Protein backbone atom coordinates (compact mmCIF):
# COMPACT_ATOMS: atom_id res chain seq x y z
CA MET A 1 -11.35 -5.78 -6.81
CA PRO A 2 -10.55 -9.56 -5.89
CA THR A 3 -13.49 -11.69 -6.85
CA VAL A 4 -13.73 -14.65 -4.34
CA GLY A 5 -15.31 -18.02 -5.66
CA LEU A 6 -17.71 -19.68 -3.08
CA ASN A 7 -19.16 -23.33 -2.93
CA ALA A 8 -22.88 -22.43 -2.42
CA GLU A 9 -23.61 -26.09 -0.99
CA GLU A 10 -20.55 -25.51 1.83
CA LEU A 11 -21.56 -21.85 2.32
CA PHE A 12 -25.22 -21.84 2.83
CA ARG A 13 -24.30 -25.62 5.43
CA ARG A 14 -22.21 -22.99 7.32
CA LEU A 15 -24.94 -19.94 7.59
CA GLU A 16 -27.50 -22.70 8.53
CA LYS A 17 -30.03 -21.45 5.49
CA THR A 18 -30.17 -22.12 2.03
CA TYR A 19 -31.31 -18.89 -0.04
CA THR A 20 -32.27 -18.25 -3.40
CA GLU A 21 -30.02 -16.58 -5.76
CA ASP A 22 -32.13 -13.39 -5.15
CA GLU A 23 -32.15 -13.74 -1.19
CA PHE A 24 -28.63 -14.30 -1.72
CA GLN A 25 -27.60 -10.87 -3.90
CA ALA A 26 -30.02 -9.06 -1.17
CA LEU A 27 -28.23 -10.36 1.45
CA CYS A 28 -24.34 -9.43 0.01
CA PHE A 29 -25.46 -6.30 -0.86
CA GLU A 30 -27.13 -5.12 3.33
CA PHE A 31 -23.46 -7.04 4.25
CA GLY A 32 -21.96 -4.17 1.54
CA LEU A 33 -20.81 -6.91 -1.17
CA GLU A 34 -21.76 -7.43 -4.69
CA LEU A 35 -22.89 -10.95 -5.96
CA ASP A 36 -21.05 -10.60 -9.63
CA ASP A 37 -22.02 -13.95 -11.38
CA VAL A 38 -23.40 -17.60 -10.26
CA THR A 39 -21.63 -20.15 -12.48
CA SER A 40 -19.85 -23.87 -11.63
CA LYS A 41 -16.17 -25.24 -11.91
CA LYS A 42 -17.69 -27.47 -14.58
CA GLU A 43 -18.81 -23.65 -16.31
CA GLU A 44 -15.54 -22.26 -15.89
CA VAL A 45 -13.62 -25.57 -17.36
CA ARG A 46 -15.50 -25.25 -20.27
CA ARG A 47 -15.14 -21.73 -20.91
CA GLU A 48 -10.99 -21.56 -20.11
CA GLN A 49 -10.45 -25.55 -21.58
CA GLY A 50 -13.44 -26.46 -24.09
CA ASP A 51 -16.03 -29.64 -23.13
CA LYS A 52 -14.12 -31.80 -23.55
CA ALA A 53 -12.03 -31.11 -20.10
CA ALA A 54 -15.01 -30.16 -18.76
CA GLU A 55 -16.40 -33.93 -18.71
CA GLY A 56 -17.26 -35.20 -15.64
CA LEU A 57 -16.85 -32.09 -13.08
CA PRO A 58 -19.22 -31.71 -10.91
CA GLU A 59 -21.49 -29.20 -11.46
CA ASP A 60 -21.45 -27.53 -8.12
CA THR A 61 -22.92 -24.06 -7.55
CA ILE A 62 -20.17 -21.37 -7.24
CA TYR A 63 -21.66 -17.65 -6.18
CA LYS A 64 -18.74 -14.92 -6.74
CA LEU A 65 -17.88 -12.20 -5.10
CA ASP A 66 -16.39 -9.05 -5.68
CA ILE A 67 -14.68 -8.21 -1.95
CA PRO A 68 -13.58 -4.38 -1.37
CA ALA A 69 -10.27 -4.54 -2.20
CA ASN A 70 -8.82 -3.37 1.47
CA ARG A 71 -10.74 -6.34 3.08
CA TYR A 72 -8.39 -9.39 3.34
CA ASP A 73 -10.77 -11.32 6.13
CA LEU A 74 -13.77 -11.29 3.63
CA LEU A 75 -11.07 -13.65 0.63
CA CYS A 76 -11.93 -16.84 1.67
CA MET A 77 -14.93 -18.71 2.67
CA GLU A 78 -14.24 -19.25 5.91
CA GLY A 79 -14.30 -15.00 6.51
CA ILE A 80 -17.02 -14.51 3.91
CA ALA A 81 -19.48 -17.07 6.62
CA ARG A 82 -18.09 -16.03 9.92
CA SER A 83 -18.81 -12.13 9.29
CA LEU A 84 -22.24 -13.11 7.63
CA ARG A 85 -22.72 -15.05 10.87
CA VAL A 86 -22.14 -12.42 13.33
CA PHE A 87 -24.06 -9.81 10.60
CA LEU A 88 -27.33 -12.16 10.69
CA GLY A 89 -27.19 -12.46 14.22
CA LYS A 90 -26.30 -16.37 14.51
CA ASP A 91 -22.54 -15.51 16.35
CA LYS A 92 -20.35 -13.00 18.29
CA ALA A 93 -17.62 -11.58 16.59
CA GLN A 94 -14.85 -14.22 17.30
CA GLU A 95 -11.65 -13.74 20.16
CA TYR A 96 -8.47 -15.03 18.77
CA THR A 97 -5.68 -16.66 21.68
CA VAL A 98 -2.35 -17.28 21.46
CA VAL A 99 -1.57 -20.07 23.19
CA GLU A 100 1.91 -21.46 24.25
CA PRO A 101 2.73 -25.05 23.12
CA VAL A 102 2.15 -28.31 25.57
CA ALA A 103 5.18 -30.37 26.14
CA GLN A 104 7.54 -28.08 24.26
CA PRO A 105 9.47 -25.29 23.57
CA ARG A 106 7.93 -22.22 21.46
CA GLN A 107 9.73 -22.62 17.67
CA GLN A 108 11.92 -20.12 16.30
CA ILE A 109 13.39 -18.46 13.83
CA VAL A 110 16.86 -17.55 13.69
CA MET A 111 17.90 -14.64 11.49
CA THR A 112 21.02 -13.72 10.05
CA GLN A 113 22.87 -10.30 8.98
CA ALA A 114 22.89 -11.84 5.16
CA THR A 115 18.96 -11.41 4.96
CA GLN A 116 19.01 -7.75 5.97
CA SER A 117 20.00 -6.77 1.89
CA VAL A 118 17.47 -9.20 0.40
CA ARG A 119 14.27 -9.77 2.57
CA PRO A 120 15.04 -8.21 6.11
CA PHE A 121 11.53 -9.50 7.48
CA VAL A 122 10.21 -12.66 8.58
CA VAL A 123 7.36 -13.65 10.95
CA GLY A 124 5.81 -16.85 11.83
CA ALA A 125 2.86 -18.73 13.95
CA VAL A 126 1.96 -22.43 14.50
CA LEU A 127 -1.61 -23.73 13.94
CA ARG A 128 -1.73 -26.65 16.09
CA ASN A 129 -3.56 -29.98 15.31
CA VAL A 130 -5.56 -29.08 12.49
CA SER A 131 -8.70 -30.89 10.56
CA LEU A 132 -8.72 -30.30 6.94
CA ASP A 133 -10.67 -31.94 4.77
CA THR A 134 -10.28 -30.78 0.79
CA LEU A 135 -12.35 -27.58 0.38
CA SER A 136 -10.60 -26.26 3.43
CA TYR A 137 -7.63 -27.14 2.05
CA ASP A 138 -8.30 -25.68 -1.01
CA SER A 139 -9.65 -22.48 0.55
CA PHE A 140 -6.07 -22.39 2.47
CA ILE A 141 -4.57 -22.31 -0.48
CA ASP A 142 -6.45 -20.27 -3.10
CA LEU A 143 -6.52 -17.41 -0.03
CA GLN A 144 -2.51 -17.69 -0.07
CA GLU A 145 -2.91 -16.86 -3.79
CA LYS A 146 -5.38 -13.85 -2.75
CA LEU A 147 -3.28 -12.49 -0.30
CA HIS A 148 -0.48 -12.73 -2.49
CA GLN A 149 -1.81 -10.97 -5.63
CA ASN A 150 -3.43 -8.54 -3.45
CA ILE A 151 -1.88 -7.09 -0.33
CA CYS A 152 1.23 -8.46 -0.71
CA ARG A 153 1.93 -7.07 -4.18
CA ARG A 154 2.56 -10.20 -6.12
CA ARG A 155 5.22 -11.75 -3.12
CA THR A 156 7.52 -8.61 -3.81
CA LEU A 157 6.33 -7.39 0.01
CA VAL A 158 5.38 -10.52 1.50
CA ALA A 159 5.73 -14.03 0.59
CA ILE A 160 3.65 -16.50 2.75
CA GLY A 161 5.10 -20.27 3.03
CA THR A 162 3.26 -23.03 4.82
CA HIS A 163 4.57 -26.24 5.56
CA ASP A 164 4.23 -29.55 7.74
CA LEU A 165 5.50 -29.57 10.88
CA ASP A 166 6.02 -33.18 11.59
CA HIS A 167 8.09 -32.96 8.90
CA ILE A 168 10.48 -30.88 9.75
CA GLN A 169 12.71 -29.84 13.25
CA GLY A 170 12.92 -26.53 14.53
CA PRO A 171 14.41 -24.50 14.83
CA PHE A 172 14.64 -22.64 11.91
CA THR A 173 16.86 -20.56 10.46
CA TYR A 174 16.48 -18.04 7.63
CA ASP A 175 19.25 -16.94 5.37
CA ALA A 176 20.65 -15.73 2.31
CA GLN A 177 23.11 -17.43 0.67
CA LYS A 178 24.60 -17.90 -2.70
CA PRO A 179 22.65 -19.99 -5.19
CA THR A 180 24.66 -22.73 -5.97
CA ASP A 181 24.29 -23.45 -2.11
CA ILE A 182 20.50 -23.38 -1.84
CA LYS A 183 19.64 -27.21 -2.91
CA PHE A 184 16.89 -29.23 -3.14
CA LYS A 185 13.89 -30.58 -3.95
CA PRO A 186 11.21 -27.84 -5.17
CA LEU A 187 7.07 -28.53 -4.87
CA ARG A 188 7.37 -27.51 -8.43
CA ALA A 189 9.91 -28.64 -11.29
CA LYS A 190 9.96 -30.77 -14.56
CA ASP A 191 11.65 -33.61 -12.82
CA MET A 192 10.21 -33.85 -9.47
CA SER A 193 12.84 -36.77 -8.46
CA LYS A 194 15.75 -34.53 -8.70
CA GLU A 195 17.45 -31.97 -6.85
CA TYR A 196 18.00 -28.46 -8.06
CA ASP A 197 20.48 -25.33 -6.92
CA ALA A 198 18.82 -22.18 -6.72
CA ALA A 199 20.42 -21.12 -10.00
CA GLU A 200 19.00 -24.01 -12.31
CA LEU A 201 15.55 -23.06 -10.77
CA MET A 202 15.42 -20.14 -11.79
CA LYS A 203 16.75 -21.00 -15.45
CA GLU A 204 13.65 -23.61 -15.81
CA TYR A 205 11.15 -21.35 -14.08
CA GLU A 206 11.81 -18.75 -17.21
CA THR A 207 9.30 -20.42 -19.00
CA ASP A 208 6.98 -21.15 -16.18
CA LEU A 209 3.53 -19.36 -16.68
CA GLN A 210 2.94 -19.05 -12.79
CA LEU A 211 6.20 -18.38 -11.20
CA LYS A 212 8.18 -16.67 -14.00
CA LYS A 213 6.66 -13.56 -12.64
CA PHE A 214 8.23 -13.49 -9.25
CA LEU A 215 11.61 -14.38 -10.76
CA HIS A 216 12.50 -10.89 -10.58
CA ILE A 217 12.44 -10.05 -7.08
CA ILE A 218 15.56 -11.62 -6.11
CA LYS A 219 16.90 -12.92 -9.59
CA ASP A 220 19.67 -10.24 -9.84
CA LYS A 221 20.79 -10.69 -6.24
CA PRO A 222 24.26 -11.76 -5.14
CA LYS A 223 22.28 -14.28 -2.59
CA TYR A 224 18.48 -15.43 -2.63
CA PRO A 225 16.63 -16.14 0.98
CA VAL A 226 16.51 -19.54 2.54
CA ILE A 227 14.57 -21.05 5.36
CA ARG A 228 16.06 -24.04 6.60
CA ASP A 229 15.27 -26.32 9.60
CA SER A 230 17.69 -27.56 12.06
CA ASN A 231 18.92 -30.91 10.27
CA GLY A 232 19.43 -28.14 6.98
CA VAL A 233 16.46 -29.38 4.92
CA VAL A 234 15.49 -26.68 2.82
CA LEU A 235 11.68 -25.40 3.42
CA SER A 236 11.48 -22.69 0.78
CA MET A 237 13.23 -19.88 -1.30
CA PRO A 238 11.45 -17.26 -0.63
CA PRO A 239 9.75 -15.49 -2.53
CA ILE A 240 9.67 -18.10 -5.20
CA ILE A 241 9.06 -21.70 -4.29
CA ASN A 242 8.57 -24.30 -0.71
CA GLY A 243 10.78 -27.45 -0.76
CA SER A 244 8.39 -31.29 -1.46
CA VAL A 245 9.56 -31.97 1.59
CA SER A 246 7.32 -29.65 4.11
CA LYS A 247 4.31 -29.94 1.45
CA ILE A 248 0.93 -29.46 3.33
CA SER A 249 -1.90 -31.76 2.51
CA THR A 250 -5.89 -32.93 4.17
CA SER A 251 -3.88 -35.20 6.40
CA THR A 252 -1.52 -32.33 7.66
CA LYS A 253 -1.71 -32.24 11.18
CA ASN A 254 0.39 -29.04 12.56
CA ILE A 255 0.88 -26.32 10.28
CA PHE A 256 3.78 -24.30 10.80
CA ILE A 257 3.59 -20.62 8.77
CA GLU A 258 6.20 -18.23 7.62
CA CYS A 259 6.22 -14.56 6.21
CA THR A 260 8.99 -12.59 4.83
CA ALA A 261 9.24 -9.64 4.02
CA THR A 262 10.66 -6.30 2.83
CA ASP A 263 7.06 -4.51 4.93
CA MET A 264 7.27 -5.61 8.21
CA THR A 265 3.43 -4.13 8.64
CA LYS A 266 2.27 -6.32 5.91
CA ALA A 267 3.90 -9.05 6.95
CA LYS A 268 2.46 -8.91 9.95
CA VAL A 269 -0.93 -8.41 8.51
CA VAL A 270 -1.33 -11.13 5.99
CA LEU A 271 0.11 -13.71 8.77
CA ASN A 272 -2.59 -12.49 11.18
CA MET A 273 -5.32 -13.22 8.29
CA VAL A 274 -4.18 -16.94 7.48
CA VAL A 275 -4.07 -17.50 11.02
CA CYS A 276 -6.89 -15.86 11.93
CA MET A 277 -8.95 -17.65 8.95
CA PHE A 278 -7.74 -21.04 9.56
CA SER A 279 -7.38 -21.43 13.02
CA GLU A 280 -11.23 -22.60 13.25
CA TYR A 281 -9.77 -26.19 11.96
CA CYS A 282 -7.73 -26.49 15.06
CA GLU A 283 -7.99 -28.65 18.05
CA LYS A 284 -8.93 -26.17 19.85
CA PRO A 285 -10.44 -23.84 17.35
CA PHE A 286 -9.47 -20.37 17.15
CA THR A 287 -6.12 -20.80 18.46
CA ILE A 288 -2.37 -19.90 17.70
CA GLU A 289 1.37 -21.09 18.70
CA PRO A 290 3.13 -18.69 18.68
CA VAL A 291 6.77 -18.24 16.83
CA ASP A 292 9.71 -16.67 18.08
CA VAL A 293 12.13 -14.39 15.87
CA ILE A 294 15.23 -13.94 16.61
CA ARG A 295 16.84 -10.94 14.79
CA PRO A 296 20.15 -10.51 13.59
CA ASP A 297 20.83 -8.48 17.39
CA GLY A 298 19.99 -10.99 19.34
CA SER A 299 16.89 -9.08 19.94
CA THR A 300 13.55 -11.70 20.25
CA GLU A 301 10.22 -10.89 18.52
CA THR A 302 6.87 -12.84 19.31
CA TYR A 303 4.34 -13.12 16.56
CA PRO A 304 1.58 -13.30 15.41
CA ASP A 305 0.25 -10.31 17.61
CA LEU A 306 -3.34 -10.68 17.41
CA SER A 307 -3.97 -7.50 20.12
CA CYS A 308 -7.13 -5.21 20.08
CA ARG A 309 -6.95 -1.15 19.87
CA THR A 310 -9.93 0.56 21.31
CA ASP A 311 -10.93 3.53 19.11
CA VAL A 312 -13.44 6.10 20.54
CA THR A 313 -15.74 7.95 18.50
CA SER A 314 -18.45 10.55 18.99
CA ALA A 315 -22.39 8.93 18.94
CA GLU A 316 -23.54 12.57 17.64
CA LEU A 317 -20.42 12.83 15.02
CA LEU A 318 -21.34 9.73 13.78
CA ASN A 319 -25.23 10.14 13.50
CA ARG A 320 -24.42 13.28 11.82
CA ARG A 321 -21.71 12.22 9.59
CA ILE A 322 -24.10 8.98 8.16
CA GLY A 323 -27.51 11.90 7.99
CA ILE A 324 -29.40 9.42 10.86
CA ASN A 325 -30.44 9.85 14.47
CA CYS A 326 -30.07 6.45 16.48
CA TRP A 327 -29.10 6.83 19.88
CA ALA A 328 -25.78 5.40 20.96
CA PRO A 329 -26.64 1.92 22.77
CA LYS A 330 -28.42 1.21 18.71
CA LEU A 331 -25.09 2.38 17.43
CA ALA A 332 -23.07 0.13 19.88
CA GLU A 333 -25.59 -2.92 18.31
CA LEU A 334 -24.88 -1.98 14.54
CA LEU A 335 -20.93 -1.31 14.89
CA THR A 336 -20.83 -5.21 16.67
CA GLN A 337 -22.99 -6.40 13.81
CA MET A 338 -20.01 -5.27 11.51
CA GLN A 339 -17.58 -7.61 14.27
CA LEU A 340 -16.60 -4.33 15.80
CA PRO A 341 -17.43 -4.79 19.17
CA THR A 342 -18.71 -1.74 20.81
CA LYS A 343 -19.59 -0.37 24.16
CA VAL A 344 -21.47 3.33 24.87
CA SER A 345 -19.10 5.54 27.34
CA GLU A 346 -19.98 6.07 31.07
CA ASN A 347 -21.10 9.35 29.30
CA GLY A 348 -23.43 7.96 26.99
CA LEU A 349 -22.20 9.69 24.33
CA ASP A 350 -19.14 8.02 22.74
CA LEU A 351 -18.28 4.84 21.54
CA ALA A 352 -15.99 2.80 22.55
CA VAL A 353 -14.68 0.70 19.68
CA THR A 354 -12.89 -2.76 19.68
CA ILE A 355 -10.89 -3.00 16.16
CA PRO A 356 -10.11 -6.89 16.08
CA PRO A 357 -6.37 -7.89 14.29
CA THR A 358 -8.92 -9.60 11.38
CA ARG A 359 -9.55 -5.44 10.58
CA PRO A 360 -6.41 -4.07 9.46
CA ASP A 361 -8.75 -1.47 6.82
CA VAL A 362 -10.18 0.44 9.79
CA LEU A 363 -7.86 3.02 10.07
CA HIS A 364 -9.68 6.37 10.78
CA ALA A 365 -13.15 6.77 12.56
CA CYS A 366 -14.80 7.41 9.30
CA ASP A 367 -14.52 3.35 8.35
CA ILE A 368 -16.16 3.41 11.70
CA TRP A 369 -18.90 5.66 10.29
CA GLU A 370 -19.03 3.58 7.08
CA ASP A 371 -19.38 -0.02 8.59
CA ALA A 372 -22.51 1.64 10.73
CA ALA A 373 -23.45 2.58 7.50
CA ILE A 374 -23.78 -0.55 6.23
CA ALA A 375 -25.29 -2.39 9.24
CA TYR A 376 -27.98 0.68 9.74
CA GLY A 377 -29.15 -0.01 5.71
CA TYR A 378 -28.15 2.90 2.94
CA ASN A 379 -31.73 1.97 1.83
CA ASN A 380 -32.79 3.03 5.46
CA ILE A 381 -31.23 6.32 5.63
CA GLU A 382 -33.63 8.95 4.61
CA TRP A 383 -33.76 11.35 1.76
CA VAL A 384 -33.10 14.89 3.38
CA GLU A 385 -33.51 18.17 1.19
CA PRO A 386 -30.51 20.40 1.92
CA GLN A 387 -30.91 23.51 3.62
CA VAL A 388 -29.59 25.58 1.66
CA VAL A 389 -29.07 26.17 -1.98
CA THR A 390 -25.11 25.69 -3.14
CA GLU A 391 -24.06 25.57 -6.81
CA GLY A 392 -20.53 23.70 -7.26
CA ALA A 393 -17.69 26.10 -8.30
CA GLN A 394 -14.10 25.35 -9.01
CA GLN A 395 -11.45 25.26 -6.11
CA PRO A 396 -9.60 29.00 -6.21
CA ILE A 397 -6.63 27.01 -6.44
CA ASN A 398 -7.36 25.22 -9.50
CA LYS A 399 -9.03 27.82 -10.74
CA LEU A 400 -5.34 30.05 -10.51
CA THR A 401 -3.87 26.57 -11.48
CA ASP A 402 -5.69 26.37 -14.13
CA ALA A 403 -5.00 30.33 -15.28
CA LEU A 404 -1.33 30.19 -15.01
CA ARG A 405 -0.86 26.83 -17.10
CA VAL A 406 -2.61 29.14 -20.20
CA VAL A 407 -0.71 32.21 -19.25
CA VAL A 408 2.91 30.05 -19.49
CA SER A 409 2.16 28.64 -22.22
CA GLN A 410 1.48 32.06 -23.99
CA ALA A 411 4.91 32.99 -23.24
CA GLY A 412 5.67 30.60 -25.71
CA PHE A 413 6.78 27.67 -22.70
CA MET A 414 5.47 23.71 -23.06
CA GLU A 415 4.39 21.93 -20.43
CA VAL A 416 5.59 18.27 -18.72
CA LEU A 417 4.49 16.62 -16.36
CA THR A 418 7.49 14.78 -13.84
CA PHE A 419 7.20 12.40 -11.57
CA ALA A 420 5.86 12.84 -7.85
CA LEU A 421 8.43 10.84 -6.76
CA CYS A 422 11.97 10.95 -6.87
CA SER A 423 15.38 10.30 -5.11
CA LEU A 424 16.68 11.45 -2.11
CA ALA A 425 19.72 13.09 -3.90
CA ASP A 426 18.00 14.53 -7.14
CA GLY A 427 16.06 16.28 -3.99
CA PHE A 428 18.72 17.93 -2.09
CA LYS A 429 22.26 16.66 -3.11
CA ASN A 430 22.15 17.06 -6.72
CA LEU A 431 20.34 20.64 -6.17
CA ARG A 432 23.17 21.71 -3.73
CA ARG A 433 20.50 21.72 -0.89
CA PRO A 434 20.77 20.47 2.62
CA ASP A 435 18.80 18.24 3.84
CA ASP A 436 17.48 18.87 7.20
CA GLY A 437 15.27 15.85 7.72
CA LEU A 438 12.68 17.84 8.18
CA THR A 439 11.25 18.50 4.93
CA ALA A 440 10.81 15.61 2.64
CA ALA A 441 8.20 12.91 3.17
CA VAL A 442 10.81 9.57 2.73
CA ILE A 443 9.07 6.38 1.17
CA ASP A 444 9.57 3.87 3.89
CA ASN A 445 10.83 0.37 1.32
CA PRO A 446 11.03 2.11 -1.81
CA CYS A 447 10.56 -0.29 -5.29
CA SER A 448 13.74 1.90 -6.71
CA VAL A 449 16.37 4.56 -5.74
CA GLU A 450 14.11 6.82 -7.48
CA CYS A 451 11.07 6.72 -5.17
CA GLU A 452 12.55 7.22 -1.93
CA ILE A 453 11.06 10.32 -1.31
CA LEU A 454 8.22 12.67 -2.81
CA ARG A 455 9.30 15.97 -4.07
CA VAL A 456 10.17 18.73 -2.47
CA SER A 457 10.79 21.06 -5.29
CA LEU A 458 9.99 20.94 -8.97
CA LEU A 459 13.47 22.04 -10.28
CA SER A 460 14.87 18.50 -10.20
CA GLY A 461 12.05 16.97 -12.21
CA LEU A 462 12.46 20.00 -15.22
CA LEU A 463 16.41 19.34 -14.86
CA LYS A 464 15.85 15.53 -15.52
CA THR A 465 13.19 16.84 -18.36
CA CYS A 466 15.80 18.68 -19.66
CA PHE A 467 18.62 16.43 -19.71
CA LEU A 468 16.34 13.91 -21.61
CA SER A 469 15.81 16.31 -24.46
CA LYS A 470 19.39 17.23 -24.60
CA ASP A 471 19.06 16.46 -28.77
CA LYS A 472 16.49 18.70 -29.26
CA ALA A 473 16.65 22.36 -30.84
CA LYS A 474 17.80 25.26 -28.28
CA PRO A 475 16.05 27.00 -26.88
CA ILE A 476 14.30 24.25 -24.52
CA LYS A 477 11.54 26.14 -22.39
CA ILE A 478 9.17 24.10 -20.40
CA PHE A 479 7.20 24.80 -17.63
CA GLU A 480 4.71 22.69 -14.75
CA VAL A 481 2.18 23.85 -12.10
CA ALA A 482 2.16 21.29 -9.52
CA ASP A 483 2.32 19.48 -5.99
CA VAL A 484 5.34 19.06 -3.64
CA ALA A 485 4.90 17.63 -0.13
CA LEU A 486 6.42 18.81 2.61
CA LEU A 487 6.48 17.94 6.10
CA ASP A 488 4.02 19.48 8.29
CA PRO A 489 3.73 17.23 12.27
CA THR A 490 0.33 19.62 12.58
CA HIS A 491 -1.61 18.39 9.91
CA GLU A 492 -3.17 14.44 10.31
CA CYS A 493 -1.12 12.90 7.63
CA GLY A 494 1.95 14.78 8.87
CA SER A 495 2.57 16.65 5.71
CA ARG A 496 1.06 19.04 3.36
CA ASN A 497 1.07 19.17 -0.26
CA ARG A 498 1.72 23.14 -2.02
CA ARG A 499 1.16 23.93 -5.68
CA ARG A 500 3.54 25.45 -7.06
CA LEU A 501 4.98 26.93 -10.71
CA GLY A 502 8.25 25.78 -11.66
CA ALA A 503 9.40 27.29 -15.47
CA MET A 504 12.69 26.37 -16.78
CA ILE A 505 15.12 27.70 -19.91
CA CYS A 506 17.36 25.61 -21.40
CA SER A 507 19.55 27.68 -24.24
CA THR A 508 23.78 28.60 -25.18
CA GLY A 509 23.40 31.82 -23.18
CA SER A 510 22.63 33.56 -20.01
CA GLN A 511 18.98 33.05 -19.00
CA PHE A 512 18.65 35.61 -15.67
CA GLU A 513 17.04 37.96 -18.16
CA GLU A 514 15.07 35.55 -19.82
CA ILE A 515 13.23 33.95 -16.97
CA GLN A 516 12.74 37.37 -15.20
CA ALA A 517 10.95 37.90 -18.11
CA LEU A 518 8.71 35.12 -17.55
CA LEU A 519 8.31 36.18 -13.98
CA ASP A 520 7.05 39.87 -14.75
CA TYR A 521 4.57 38.54 -17.40
CA VAL A 522 2.90 35.96 -14.87
CA MET A 523 2.42 39.07 -12.23
CA LYS A 524 1.13 41.19 -14.85
CA GLN A 525 -1.62 38.88 -16.06
CA LEU A 526 -2.60 38.38 -12.55
CA GLY A 527 -2.96 41.86 -11.43
CA VAL A 528 0.47 42.27 -9.66
CA SER A 529 2.80 45.05 -9.94
CA ARG A 530 6.59 45.56 -9.51
CA LYS A 531 7.81 47.12 -6.55
CA LYS A 532 11.07 48.22 -6.02
CA SER A 533 12.82 46.97 -3.18
CA THR A 534 13.02 50.68 -2.10
CA ASP A 535 9.81 51.55 -2.54
CA ALA A 536 8.05 52.95 0.99
CA ASP A 537 4.49 50.75 -0.03
CA ARG A 538 5.31 47.87 -1.13
CA LYS A 539 1.78 45.62 0.17
CA ASP A 540 0.58 44.93 -3.35
CA GLY A 541 3.54 44.45 -4.87
CA TYR A 542 5.88 42.31 -5.57
CA TYR A 543 10.14 43.32 -5.29
CA LEU A 544 13.47 40.78 -5.96
CA LEU A 545 15.94 40.24 -3.26
CA PRO A 546 19.36 38.87 -4.01
CA SER A 547 19.12 35.25 -3.15
CA SER A 548 21.30 32.89 -1.06
CA ASP A 549 19.94 29.51 -2.60
CA PRO A 550 22.78 27.01 -3.61
CA ALA A 551 21.22 25.70 -6.62
CA PHE A 552 21.51 28.81 -8.60
CA PHE A 553 24.12 31.16 -9.25
CA ALA A 554 23.59 32.89 -5.01
CA ASP A 555 23.72 36.57 -4.61
CA ILE A 556 25.19 37.00 -8.10
CA ALA A 557 22.60 35.93 -10.87
CA ALA A 558 19.64 34.81 -8.32
CA ALA A 559 16.99 36.42 -6.36
CA ASP A 560 14.31 35.93 -3.86
CA VAL A 561 10.66 37.15 -4.87
CA ILE A 562 9.25 38.69 -2.30
CA TYR A 563 5.57 39.15 -2.25
CA ARG A 564 3.05 40.91 0.97
CA GLY A 565 6.25 40.62 2.53
CA LYS A 566 7.12 36.93 2.07
CA ARG A 567 9.08 35.13 0.34
CA ILE A 568 7.28 33.01 -2.57
CA GLY A 569 9.80 31.84 -4.67
CA VAL A 570 13.12 32.13 -6.29
CA MET A 571 14.51 32.92 -9.73
CA GLY A 572 18.06 32.55 -11.54
CA VAL A 573 20.75 31.36 -13.16
CA ILE A 574 21.06 27.19 -12.27
CA HIS A 575 24.61 27.16 -10.99
CA PRO A 576 27.15 24.90 -13.00
CA GLU A 577 27.63 22.09 -10.03
CA VAL A 578 23.84 21.38 -10.76
CA LEU A 579 23.71 21.48 -14.22
CA GLU A 580 26.92 18.79 -14.20
CA ASN A 581 25.11 16.45 -11.21
CA PHE A 582 22.37 16.60 -13.97
CA ASN A 583 24.83 16.22 -16.95
CA ILE A 584 23.28 19.20 -19.03
CA LYS A 585 25.37 20.82 -21.10
CA PHE A 586 23.79 24.01 -21.43
CA PRO A 587 22.91 27.19 -18.99
CA CYS A 588 19.55 27.04 -17.42
CA GLY A 589 17.56 29.81 -16.09
CA ALA A 590 14.46 28.71 -13.52
CA LEU A 591 11.95 29.69 -11.69
CA GLU A 592 9.97 28.20 -9.14
CA LEU A 593 6.87 29.94 -6.96
CA GLU A 594 4.63 29.31 -4.34
CA VAL A 595 0.84 29.50 -6.54
CA GLU A 596 -1.05 29.63 -3.13
CA GLU A 597 0.59 32.65 -1.96
CA LEU A 598 -1.10 34.49 -4.96
CA LEU A 599 -4.06 33.86 -4.18
């Protein structure tokens, strides 16, 4: 949870009221925040660096607030003060406007194809005629750092660059070049008068406590991302460092903001946060100039996108979920108080809630209900005794899962826990199974090739475990009871979890009989009888049919498990090609069952 330090005097000036510590703590609680500590800049320096370093520093009171991780609009003084003023009824929710530049064309960022293999996205905006003092400048820098640590995931997803537009000349070029071809004076270096190339900088920053933690993002890339102006001047080498030429200061009047990213959604959110929070310092407050981004294919996208969206929720449902009884106009008033302007629909039953660009945390109706509950006041919600007597109980699927763990362990198998993410190849190709594109949930911008999809089978994890245990005594007998994820358009999130039992034996001989023995033992312990496929009455038992699953010796040493007329799993000897794909030198037998079908 991020912590934001606020200068108490400046905060109270913005709120037009001076609070005692207890009063401010009560206000924070009403708004859904927590006052973590009350300190001063002098005290903080004294704690970190000693009394001598703290001499002469001001005793200004600093309030430290714990901010919910998804409330990016509250990571700076500007956002908190603005939100509290709306909450207190002093202001209305702010509207942000994209305006065209006067007497000059829009700024442009031209992307090259080379960027697609490094950081494939860039967005931008301009804040015009800005007036910054020391406090607002420090807040501007601090917000960028907070965003970098939070939504930007230490700059791996997004890196923010801010530049003095009066010292550079557009249009700008976003390119990826060899390290030795990128030469500039960086914002931070041992010799600030020297011009470094990117390779020299990366070597120097290996000992820099602040910057060394970001080097890994591009260090092993053959080309590094770079943004230049029309004269070839380097503005930044994202996500590491900006150039000194475009450094902003309290005297900066026009600010060019660029965000390079590996995730376009995050890039848009970050850009919106920066421009919305600090556009209040523009000559015409809360106005932002757009920037055109020309992609490698020639298409043009304009940023920022400050459009609002409207969600409709039922007033009756909102009341029921929170446990209150307010009529629709009152609920609309409460939500408007939380910077979610709301109108009552013509039928008087629904609420049309406007979601501003500063609230990307509102993803579902439950987020709207939460804000309504905060504005209503948790302490004002009446305590109600439940109308029925209930007692907690374990979910049936979890109860069965725990029972299976005991049963399979008693059969001599060791439980393992494997990763829920795997590569696309391990999910399909390495198991000799076709990928129809309709089964696996694919991860957008995965951090590595091992995290491309949510697993659709437990087999790949078990096979990898066998490979990593190749030096252990044989037989290796392992199992796992865990979820896989399968695409399902009928579910709200587009996929569903399925609990499965997977077991594997790795030894020197054929494992069909051994793995079948495990299946029979598990079914017997669950009270499910074995039937023959020719039996007339098979509804209360299970039986086996030849399997065509390509991961096994199809139709020879593999069988589908049929229960209640439905295929609930597969067992048999793993195909030699699959074993070769996972570098396993011994035969393996495996079983995979749908646990939920056994309930």
